[in-house]
Amino acid sequence: MKELLYSENLYAESSYVWFLYNFGLISVLVYGLIFLELIYLSIKYKYTKFSYLVYTFSIVILISSITNAPFQEPRINLLIALTIAIFMYSWRVRDVGRI
């Protein structure tokens, strides 16, 4: 079945369907839990500088994954990585007080 879809250049538009089809149910759960964990951490550390950015970005990715596949675009992967890195950096500076 996969060979037929790939030979006809048919790809899933939804990230959830794509992950489910290629990697199974566990990958869909992990995919959702990654962003739900980011939402939880941004609420928990809401006084850090970039928590609102991570909160809104995670919600946008979760919603856009229904109708689109954001992880198929390399620039969006870069934005996700930078957003998480900035948030974790501000979280560490807040907790430790230094780098």
C-alpha atoms as a PDB file:
ATOM      1  CA  MET A   1       0.000   0.000   0.000  1.00  0.00           C
ATOM      2  CA  LYS A   2       2.796   2.438   0.896  1.00  0.00           C
ATOM      3  CA  GLU A   3       4.550   1.721  -2.373  1.00  0.00           C
ATOM      4  CA  LEU A   4       1.398   2.524  -4.334  1.00  0.00           C
ATOM      5  CA  LEU A   5       0.893   5.845  -2.563  1.00  0.00           C
ATOM      6  CA  TYR A   6       4.531   6.855  -2.950  1.00  0.00           C
ATOM      7  CA  SER A   7       4.672   5.798  -6.603  1.00  0.00           C
ATOM      8  CA  GLU A   8       1.617   7.981  -7.314  1.00  0.00           C
ATOM      9  CA  ASN A   9       3.136  10.868  -5.284  1.00  0.00           C
ATOM     10  CA  LEU A  10       0.234  10.910  -2.830  1.00  0.00           C
ATOM     11  CA  TYR A  11       1.134  12.165   0.627  1.00  0.00           C
ATOM     12  CA  ALA A  12      -0.952  12.869   3.695  1.00  0.00           C
ATOM     13  CA  GLU A  13      -1.793  16.504   4.296  1.00  0.00           C
ATOM     14  CA  SER A  14      -2.285  16.048   8.031  1.00  0.00           C
ATOM     15  CA  SER A  15       0.717  15.468  10.280  1.00  0.00           C
ATOM     16  CA  TYR A  16      -1.353  13.211  12.479  1.00  0.00           C
ATOM     17  CA  VAL A  17      -2.344  11.005   9.530  1.00  0.00           C
ATOM     18  CA  TRP A  18       1.220  11.054   8.193  1.00  0.00           C
ATOM     19  CA  PHE A  19       2.713   9.987  11.539  1.00  0.00           C
ATOM     20  CA  LEU A  20      -0.014   7.374  12.033  1.00  0.00           C
ATOM     21  CA  TYR A  21       0.491   5.932   8.569  1.00  0.00           C
ATOM     22  CA  ASN A  22       4.293   5.899   8.622  1.00  0.00           C
ATOM     23  CA  PHE A  23       5.155   5.228  12.253  1.00  0.00           C
ATOM     24  CA  GLY A  24       2.028   4.033  14.064  1.00  0.00           C
ATOM     25  CA  LEU A  25      -0.159   5.173  16.926  1.00  0.00           C
ATOM     26  CA  ILE A  26       2.704   5.640  19.393  1.00  0.00           C
ATOM     27  CA  SER A  27       4.283   8.311  17.182  1.00  0.00           C
ATOM     28  CA  VAL A  28       1.009  10.274  17.045  1.00  0.00           C
ATOM     29  CA  LEU A  29       0.814  10.170  20.840  1.00  0.00           C
ATOM     30  CA  VAL A  30       4.446  11.256  21.214  1.00  0.00           C
ATOM     31  CA  TYR A  31       3.942  14.033  18.645  1.00  0.00           C
ATOM     32  CA  GLY A  32       0.979  15.405  20.575  1.00  0.00           C
ATOM     33  CA  LEU A  33       2.613  14.965  23.960  1.00  0.00           C
ATOM     34  CA  ILE A  34       5.689  16.938  22.920  1.00  0.00           C
ATOM     35  CA  PHE A  35       3.608  20.019  22.243  1.00  0.00           C
ATOM     36  CA  LEU A  36       1.271  19.447  25.193  1.00  0.00           C
ATOM     37  CA  GLU A  37       4.359  19.291  27.418  1.00  0.00           C
ATOM     38  CA  LEU A  38       5.577  22.578  25.946  1.00  0.00           C
ATOM     39  CA  ILE A  39       2.182  24.141  26.656  1.00  0.00           C
ATOM     40  CA  TYR A  40       2.305  22.823  30.217  1.00  0.00           C
ATOM     41  CA  LEU A  41       5.831  24.161  30.776  1.00  0.00           C
ATOM     42  CA  SER A  42       4.968  27.542  29.316  1.00  0.00           C
ATOM     43  CA  ILE A  43       2.027  27.806  31.727  1.00  0.00           C
ATOM     44  CA  LYS A  44       4.145  26.582  34.639  1.00  0.00           C
ATOM     45  CA  TYR A  45       6.941  29.066  33.893  1.00  0.00           C
ATOM     46  CA  LYS A  46       4.663  31.834  32.667  1.00  0.00           C
ATOM     47  CA  TYR A  47       6.880  34.531  34.152  1.00  0.00           C
ATOM     48  CA  THR A  48       9.787  33.768  31.874  1.00  0.00           C
ATOM     49  CA  LYS A  49      10.359  36.056  28.950  1.00  0.00           C
ATOM     50  CA  PHE A  50       9.354  33.738  26.120  1.00  0.00           C
ATOM     51  CA  SER A  51       6.655  31.582  27.717  1.00  0.00           C
ATOM     52  CA  TYR A  52       3.828  33.284  25.810  1.00  0.00           C
ATOM     53  CA  LEU A  53       5.690  32.743  22.539  1.00  0.00           C
ATOM     54  CA  VAL A  54       6.095  29.022  23.222  1.00  0.00           C
ATOM     55  CA  TYR A  55       2.463  28.746  24.345  1.00  0.00           C
ATOM     56  CA  THR A  56       1.033  30.328  21.211  1.00  0.00           C
ATOM     57  CA  PHE A  57       3.515  28.638  18.873  1.00  0.00           C
ATOM     58  CA  SER A  58       2.686  25.199  20.311  1.00  0.00           C
ATOM     59  CA  ILE A  59      -1.049  25.799  19.940  1.00  0.00           C
ATOM     60  CA  VAL A  60      -0.565  26.962  16.346  1.00  0.00           C
ATOM     61  CA  ILE A  61       1.499  23.867  15.488  1.00  0.00           C
ATOM     62  CA  LEU A  62      -1.051  21.510  17.095  1.00  0.00           C
ATOM     63  CA  ILE A  63      -3.937  23.105  15.198  1.00  0.00           C
ATOM     64  CA  SER A  64      -2.134  23.472  11.877  1.00  0.00           C
ATOM     65  CA  SER A  65      -1.080  19.827  12.043  1.00  0.00           C
ATOM     66  CA  ILE A  66      -4.710  18.881  11.470  1.00  0.00           C
ATOM     67  CA  THR A  67      -4.793  20.360   7.981  1.00  0.00           C
ATOM     68  CA  ASN A  68      -1.124  20.621   7.137  1.00  0.00           C
ATOM     69  CA  ALA A  69       2.182  18.868   7.728  1.00  0.00           C
ATOM     70  CA  PRO A  70       4.425  21.492   9.348  1.00  0.00           C
ATOM     71  CA  PHE A  71       7.300  19.090   9.981  1.00  0.00           C
ATOM     72  CA  GLN A  72       7.673  18.557   6.248  1.00  0.00           C
ATOM     73  CA  GLU A  73       8.915  22.143   5.863  1.00  0.00           C
ATOM     74  CA  PRO A  74      12.556  22.656   6.991  1.00  0.00           C
ATOM     75  CA  ARG A  75      12.053  26.347   7.848  1.00  0.00           C
ATOM     76  CA  ILE A  76       9.267  25.490  10.272  1.00  0.00           C
ATOM     77  CA  ASN A  77      11.502  22.850  11.871  1.00  0.00           C
ATOM     78  CA  LEU A  78      14.101  25.554  12.385  1.00  0.00           C
ATOM     79  CA  LEU A  79      11.510  27.877  13.944  1.00  0.00           C
ATOM     80  CA  ILE A  80      10.336  25.133  16.295  1.00  0.00           C
ATOM     81  CA  ALA A  81      13.890  24.353  17.381  1.00  0.00           C
ATOM     82  CA  LEU A  82      14.768  28.024  17.919  1.00  0.00           C
ATOM     83  CA  THR A  83      11.580  28.699  19.871  1.00  0.00           C
ATOM     84  CA  ILE A  84      12.164  25.758  22.186  1.00  0.00           C
ATOM     85  CA  ALA A  85      15.840  26.667  22.629  1.00  0.00           C
ATOM     86  CA  ILE A  86      15.067  30.293  23.514  1.00  0.00           C
ATOM     87  CA  PHE A  87      12.393  29.199  25.979  1.00  0.00           C
ATOM     88  CA  MET A  88      14.663  26.658  27.656  1.00  0.00           C
ATOM     89  CA  TYR A  89      17.459  29.229  27.824  1.00  0.00           C
ATOM     90  CA  SER A  90      15.197  31.824  29.490  1.00  0.00           C
ATOM     91  CA  TRP A  91      13.863  29.132  31.812  1.00  0.00           C
ATOM     92  CA  ARG A  92      17.406  28.158  32.849  1.00  0.00           C
ATOM     93  CA  VAL A  93      18.464  31.778  33.365  1.00  0.00           C
ATOM     94  CA  ARG A  94      15.395  32.319  35.548  1.00  0.00           C
ATOM     95  CA  ASP A  95      16.027  29.208  37.695  1.00  0.00           C
ATOM     96  CA  VAL A  96      19.811  29.278  37.920  1.00  0.00           C
ATOM     97  CA  GLY A  97      20.416  32.992  37.537  1.00  0.00           C
ATOM     98  CA  ARG A  98      23.331  32.480  35.216  1.00  0.00           C
ATOM     99  CA  ILE A  99      24.198  30.529  32.100  1.00  0.00           C
END
